[in-house]
């Protein structure tokens, strides 16, 4: 179904493709600030993340720590809307990697 929208009525393939173009543009705007991926790396005395939003905003190998108040501090400034998603992702990462 790549490049097509499946509609509840019979419409020509050209119209399905045109609908998909509108849908795809709307979907990218809707997810602009949402993380596309986020990975973590644990090294001796250093934890870092790399991530990208659907809007193309990228952060590579950013060191971070969670302070005594439970607030995440990063080596470089990261917008709050991204930081909140990274905190959620890191919580899941920690749960999956407990021994």
N, C-alpha and C. Protein backbone atom coordinates (compact mmCIF):
# COMPACT_ATOMS: atom_id res chain seq x y z
N UNK A 1 0.82 -1.19 0.00
CA UNK A 1 0.00 0.00 0.00
C UNK A 1 0.87 1.26 0.00
N UNK A 2 2.15 1.10 -0.26
CA UNK A 2 3.07 2.23 -0.25
C UNK A 2 2.64 3.30 -1.24
N UNK A 3 2.36 4.50 -0.73
CA UNK A 3 1.99 5.60 -1.61
C UNK A 3 0.52 5.68 -1.94
N UNK A 4 -0.30 4.83 -1.33
CA UNK A 4 -1.73 4.83 -1.60
C UNK A 4 -2.50 4.94 -0.30
N UNK A 5 -3.70 5.52 -0.38
CA UNK A 5 -4.62 5.54 0.74
C UNK A 5 -5.73 4.57 0.42
N UNK A 6 -6.04 3.70 1.36
CA UNK A 6 -7.14 2.77 1.16
C UNK A 6 -8.40 3.46 1.66
N UNK A 7 -9.34 3.65 0.76
CA UNK A 7 -10.59 4.34 1.11
C UNK A 7 -11.71 3.32 1.23
N UNK A 8 -12.79 3.72 1.88
CA UNK A 8 -13.94 2.85 2.07
C UNK A 8 -14.79 2.72 0.83
N UNK A 9 -14.45 3.49 -0.19
CA UNK A 9 -15.20 3.42 -1.46
C UNK A 9 -14.21 3.16 -2.58
N UNK A 10 -14.73 2.71 -3.70
CA UNK A 10 -13.89 2.43 -4.86
C UNK A 10 -13.51 3.75 -5.55
N UNK A 11 -12.24 4.12 -5.49
CA UNK A 11 -11.78 5.32 -6.20
C UNK A 11 -10.56 4.94 -7.03
N UNK A 12 -10.31 5.68 -8.10
CA UNK A 12 -9.19 5.35 -8.98
C UNK A 12 -7.85 5.42 -8.26
N UNK A 13 -6.87 4.61 -8.69
CA UNK A 13 -5.54 4.62 -8.08
C UNK A 13 -4.89 6.01 -8.06
N UNK A 14 -5.11 6.82 -9.10
CA UNK A 14 -4.53 8.17 -9.14
C UNK A 14 -5.06 9.01 -7.97
N UNK A 15 -6.35 8.87 -7.69
CA UNK A 15 -6.96 9.61 -6.58
C UNK A 15 -6.42 9.10 -5.25
N UNK A 16 -6.20 7.80 -5.15
CA UNK A 16 -5.64 7.23 -3.92
C UNK A 16 -4.24 7.79 -3.68
N UNK A 17 -3.45 7.90 -4.74
CA UNK A 17 -2.09 8.46 -4.61
C UNK A 17 -2.14 9.92 -4.16
N UNK A 18 -3.07 10.69 -4.74
CA UNK A 18 -3.21 12.11 -4.38
C UNK A 18 -3.62 12.24 -2.91
N UNK A 19 -4.55 11.40 -2.48
CA UNK A 19 -4.95 11.41 -1.07
C UNK A 19 -3.77 11.09 -0.17
N UNK A 20 -2.93 10.15 -0.60
CA UNK A 20 -1.76 9.78 0.20
C UNK A 20 -0.81 10.97 0.35
N UNK A 21 -0.64 11.76 -0.70
CA UNK A 21 0.23 12.95 -0.62
C UNK A 21 -0.27 13.90 0.46
N UNK A 22 -1.59 14.15 0.49
CA UNK A 22 -2.17 15.03 1.51
C UNK A 22 -1.99 14.43 2.91
N UNK A 23 -2.27 13.12 3.01
CA UNK A 23 -2.13 12.44 4.30
C UNK A 23 -0.69 12.50 4.79
N UNK A 24 0.25 12.20 3.91
CA UNK A 24 1.66 12.15 4.29
C UNK A 24 2.15 13.53 4.79
N UNK A 25 1.77 14.58 4.09
CA UNK A 25 2.14 15.95 4.51
C UNK A 25 1.55 16.27 5.88
N UNK A 26 0.29 15.93 6.09
CA UNK A 26 -0.36 16.17 7.38
C UNK A 26 0.31 15.36 8.48
N UNK A 27 0.63 14.10 8.18
CA UNK A 27 1.24 13.22 9.18
C UNK A 27 2.62 13.73 9.60
N UNK A 28 3.42 14.24 8.66
CA UNK A 28 4.73 14.79 9.01
C UNK A 28 4.60 16.03 9.88
N UNK A 29 3.62 16.88 9.60
CA UNK A 29 3.40 18.06 10.45
C UNK A 29 2.96 17.64 11.85
N UNK A 30 2.11 16.63 11.91
CA UNK A 30 1.59 16.15 13.20
C UNK A 30 2.71 15.57 14.06
N UNK A 31 3.65 14.87 13.43
CA UNK A 31 4.72 14.20 14.18
C UNK A 31 6.03 14.99 14.19
N UNK A 32 6.02 16.23 13.76
CA UNK A 32 7.24 17.04 13.61
C UNK A 32 8.14 16.99 14.82
N UNK A 33 7.59 17.12 16.02
CA UNK A 33 8.37 17.19 17.25
C UNK A 33 8.47 15.85 17.99
N UNK A 34 7.99 14.79 17.38
CA UNK A 34 8.00 13.46 18.02
C UNK A 34 9.30 12.74 17.65
N UNK A 35 9.86 12.02 18.63
CA UNK A 35 11.09 11.27 18.37
C UNK A 35 10.86 10.15 17.37
N UNK A 36 11.70 10.11 16.38
CA UNK A 36 11.69 9.04 15.39
C UNK A 36 12.45 7.83 15.96
N UNK A 37 13.58 8.13 16.61
CA UNK A 37 14.35 7.09 17.30
C UNK A 37 15.14 7.72 18.43
N UNK A 38 15.53 6.90 19.38
CA UNK A 38 16.36 7.34 20.50
C UNK A 38 17.14 6.12 20.98
N UNK A 39 18.48 6.22 20.98
CA UNK A 39 19.32 5.13 21.46
C UNK A 39 20.19 5.63 22.60
N UNK A 40 20.54 4.71 23.47
CA UNK A 40 21.36 5.05 24.64
C UNK A 40 22.64 4.24 24.60
N UNK A 41 23.69 4.83 25.16
CA UNK A 41 24.98 4.15 25.24
C UNK A 41 25.52 4.33 26.65
N UNK A 42 25.81 3.21 27.30
CA UNK A 42 26.40 3.23 28.64
C UNK A 42 27.87 2.89 28.54
N UNK A 43 28.72 3.79 29.00
CA UNK A 43 30.15 3.56 29.06
C UNK A 43 30.58 3.82 30.49
N UNK A 44 31.81 3.55 30.79
CA UNK A 44 32.31 3.77 32.14
C UNK A 44 32.18 5.26 32.50
N UNK A 45 31.39 5.57 33.51
CA UNK A 45 31.20 6.92 34.03
C UNK A 45 30.57 7.89 33.01
N UNK A 46 29.91 7.36 31.99
CA UNK A 46 29.28 8.22 30.99
C UNK A 46 28.10 7.50 30.35
N UNK A 47 26.96 8.18 30.35
CA UNK A 47 25.78 7.69 29.65
C UNK A 47 25.40 8.76 28.64
N UNK A 48 25.06 8.33 27.42
CA UNK A 48 24.71 9.30 26.39
C UNK A 48 23.54 8.80 25.55
N UNK A 49 22.96 9.71 24.80
CA UNK A 49 21.88 9.34 23.88
C UNK A 49 22.11 9.96 22.53
N UNK A 50 21.52 9.35 21.53
CA UNK A 50 21.45 9.89 20.18
C UNK A 50 19.99 9.78 19.78
N UNK A 51 19.45 10.84 19.16
CA UNK A 51 18.04 10.80 18.78
C UNK A 51 17.78 11.71 17.59
N UNK A 52 16.61 11.51 16.99
CA UNK A 52 16.17 12.36 15.88
C UNK A 52 14.65 12.44 15.93
N UNK A 53 14.12 13.63 15.62
CA UNK A 53 12.67 13.79 15.53
C UNK A 53 12.24 13.58 14.08
N UNK A 54 10.95 13.38 13.88
CA UNK A 54 10.44 13.26 12.51
C UNK A 54 10.66 14.56 11.74
N UNK A 55 10.80 15.67 12.44
CA UNK A 55 11.06 16.96 11.79
C UNK A 55 12.52 17.14 11.38
N UNK A 56 13.39 16.18 11.73
CA UNK A 56 14.79 16.22 11.32
C UNK A 56 15.75 16.78 12.34
N UNK A 57 15.28 17.13 13.52
CA UNK A 57 16.15 17.64 14.58
C UNK A 57 16.95 16.48 15.16
N UNK A 58 18.30 16.59 15.15
CA UNK A 58 19.17 15.48 15.57
C UNK A 58 20.08 15.90 16.72
N UNK A 59 20.31 14.94 17.59
CA UNK A 59 21.28 15.08 18.67
C UNK A 59 22.08 13.79 18.70
N UNK A 60 23.40 13.92 18.61
CA UNK A 60 24.26 12.74 18.55
C UNK A 60 25.19 12.68 19.77
N UNK A 61 25.22 11.54 20.42
CA UNK A 61 26.14 11.25 21.51
C UNK A 61 26.17 12.35 22.57
N UNK A 62 24.99 12.71 23.08
CA UNK A 62 24.87 13.75 24.10
C UNK A 62 24.96 13.11 25.48
N UNK A 63 25.95 13.48 26.23
CA UNK A 63 26.12 12.96 27.59
C UNK A 63 25.04 13.56 28.50
N UNK A 64 24.56 12.75 29.44
CA UNK A 64 23.55 13.25 30.37
C UNK A 64 23.68 12.54 31.71
N UNK A 65 23.03 13.12 32.70
CA UNK A 65 22.93 12.49 34.02
C UNK A 65 21.63 12.94 34.65
N UNK A 66 21.15 12.16 35.58
CA UNK A 66 19.96 12.51 36.34
C UNK A 66 20.44 12.96 37.70
N UNK A 67 20.16 14.21 38.05
CA UNK A 67 20.67 14.75 39.32
C UNK A 67 19.88 14.22 40.51
N UNK A 68 20.26 14.66 41.69
CA UNK A 68 19.67 14.17 42.94
C UNK A 68 18.18 14.48 43.04
N UNK A 69 17.73 15.53 42.33
CA UNK A 69 16.31 15.90 42.33
C UNK A 69 15.52 15.13 41.27
N UNK A 70 16.20 14.28 40.51
CA UNK A 70 15.54 13.51 39.48
C UNK A 70 15.39 14.25 38.15
N UNK A 71 16.14 15.35 38.00
CA UNK A 71 16.07 16.15 36.78
C UNK A 71 17.22 15.74 35.86
N UNK A 72 16.91 15.55 34.58
CA UNK A 72 17.94 15.17 33.62
C UNK A 72 18.73 16.41 33.19
N UNK A 73 20.05 16.30 33.29
CA UNK A 73 20.95 17.38 32.86
C UNK A 73 21.74 16.86 31.67
N UNK A 74 21.84 17.69 30.61
CA UNK A 74 22.54 17.27 29.39
C UNK A 74 23.77 18.14 29.16
N UNK A 75 24.74 17.59 28.44
CA UNK A 75 25.98 18.31 28.14
C UNK A 75 25.74 19.48 27.18
N UNK A 76 24.73 19.37 26.34
CA UNK A 76 24.35 20.47 25.43
C UNK A 76 22.86 20.75 25.64
N UNK A 77 22.44 21.98 25.37
CA UNK A 77 21.01 22.29 25.55
C UNK A 77 20.13 21.45 24.62
N UNK A 78 19.07 20.90 25.19
CA UNK A 78 18.09 20.13 24.44
C UNK A 78 16.71 20.69 24.78
N UNK A 79 15.86 20.96 23.79
CA UNK A 79 14.53 21.52 24.08
C UNK A 79 13.72 20.61 25.00
N UNK A 80 12.88 21.24 25.82
CA UNK A 80 12.07 20.50 26.79
C UNK A 80 11.17 19.45 26.15
N UNK A 81 10.57 19.77 24.98
CA UNK A 81 9.66 18.82 24.36
C UNK A 81 10.39 17.55 23.92
N UNK A 82 11.67 17.65 23.64
CA UNK A 82 12.47 16.47 23.29
C UNK A 82 12.95 15.79 24.57
N UNK A 83 13.37 16.58 25.54
CA UNK A 83 13.89 16.04 26.80
C UNK A 83 12.84 15.18 27.50
N UNK A 84 11.58 15.59 27.49
CA UNK A 84 10.52 14.81 28.12
C UNK A 84 10.40 13.43 27.48
N UNK A 85 10.52 13.37 26.16
CA UNK A 85 10.43 12.09 25.46
C UNK A 85 11.65 11.22 25.75
N UNK A 86 12.82 11.86 25.89
CA UNK A 86 14.04 11.12 26.20
C UNK A 86 13.96 10.53 27.61
N UNK A 87 13.41 11.28 28.53
CA UNK A 87 13.24 10.79 29.90
C UNK A 87 12.34 9.55 29.90
N UNK A 88 11.24 9.60 29.15
CA UNK A 88 10.35 8.44 29.06
C UNK A 88 11.08 7.25 28.44
N UNK A 89 11.81 7.51 27.35
CA UNK A 89 12.53 6.43 26.67
C UNK A 89 13.61 5.85 27.58
N UNK A 90 14.29 6.70 28.34
CA UNK A 90 15.34 6.21 29.24
C UNK A 90 14.76 5.37 30.37
N UNK A 91 13.58 5.74 30.86
CA UNK A 91 12.92 4.94 31.91
C UNK A 91 12.65 3.53 31.39
N UNK A 92 12.17 3.43 30.17
CA UNK A 92 11.91 2.12 29.55
C UNK A 92 13.23 1.37 29.35
N UNK A 93 14.24 2.08 28.88
CA UNK A 93 15.56 1.49 28.66
C UNK A 93 16.11 0.90 29.96
N UNK A 94 15.98 1.65 31.05
CA UNK A 94 16.48 1.15 32.35
C UNK A 94 15.71 -0.09 32.81
N UNK A 95 14.41 -0.09 32.61
CA UNK A 95 13.60 -1.25 33.01
C UNK A 95 14.01 -2.50 32.21
N UNK A 96 14.31 -2.32 30.94
CA UNK A 96 14.67 -3.46 30.10
C UNK A 96 16.08 -3.97 30.40
N UNK A 97 16.94 -3.12 30.95
CA UNK A 97 18.33 -3.51 31.15
C UNK A 97 18.70 -3.77 32.60
N UNK A 98 17.72 -3.94 33.46
CA UNK A 98 18.01 -4.30 34.85
C UNK A 98 18.44 -5.75 34.91
N UNK A 99 19.35 -6.01 35.77
CA UNK A 99 19.85 -7.39 35.92
C UNK A 99 19.31 -8.05 37.16
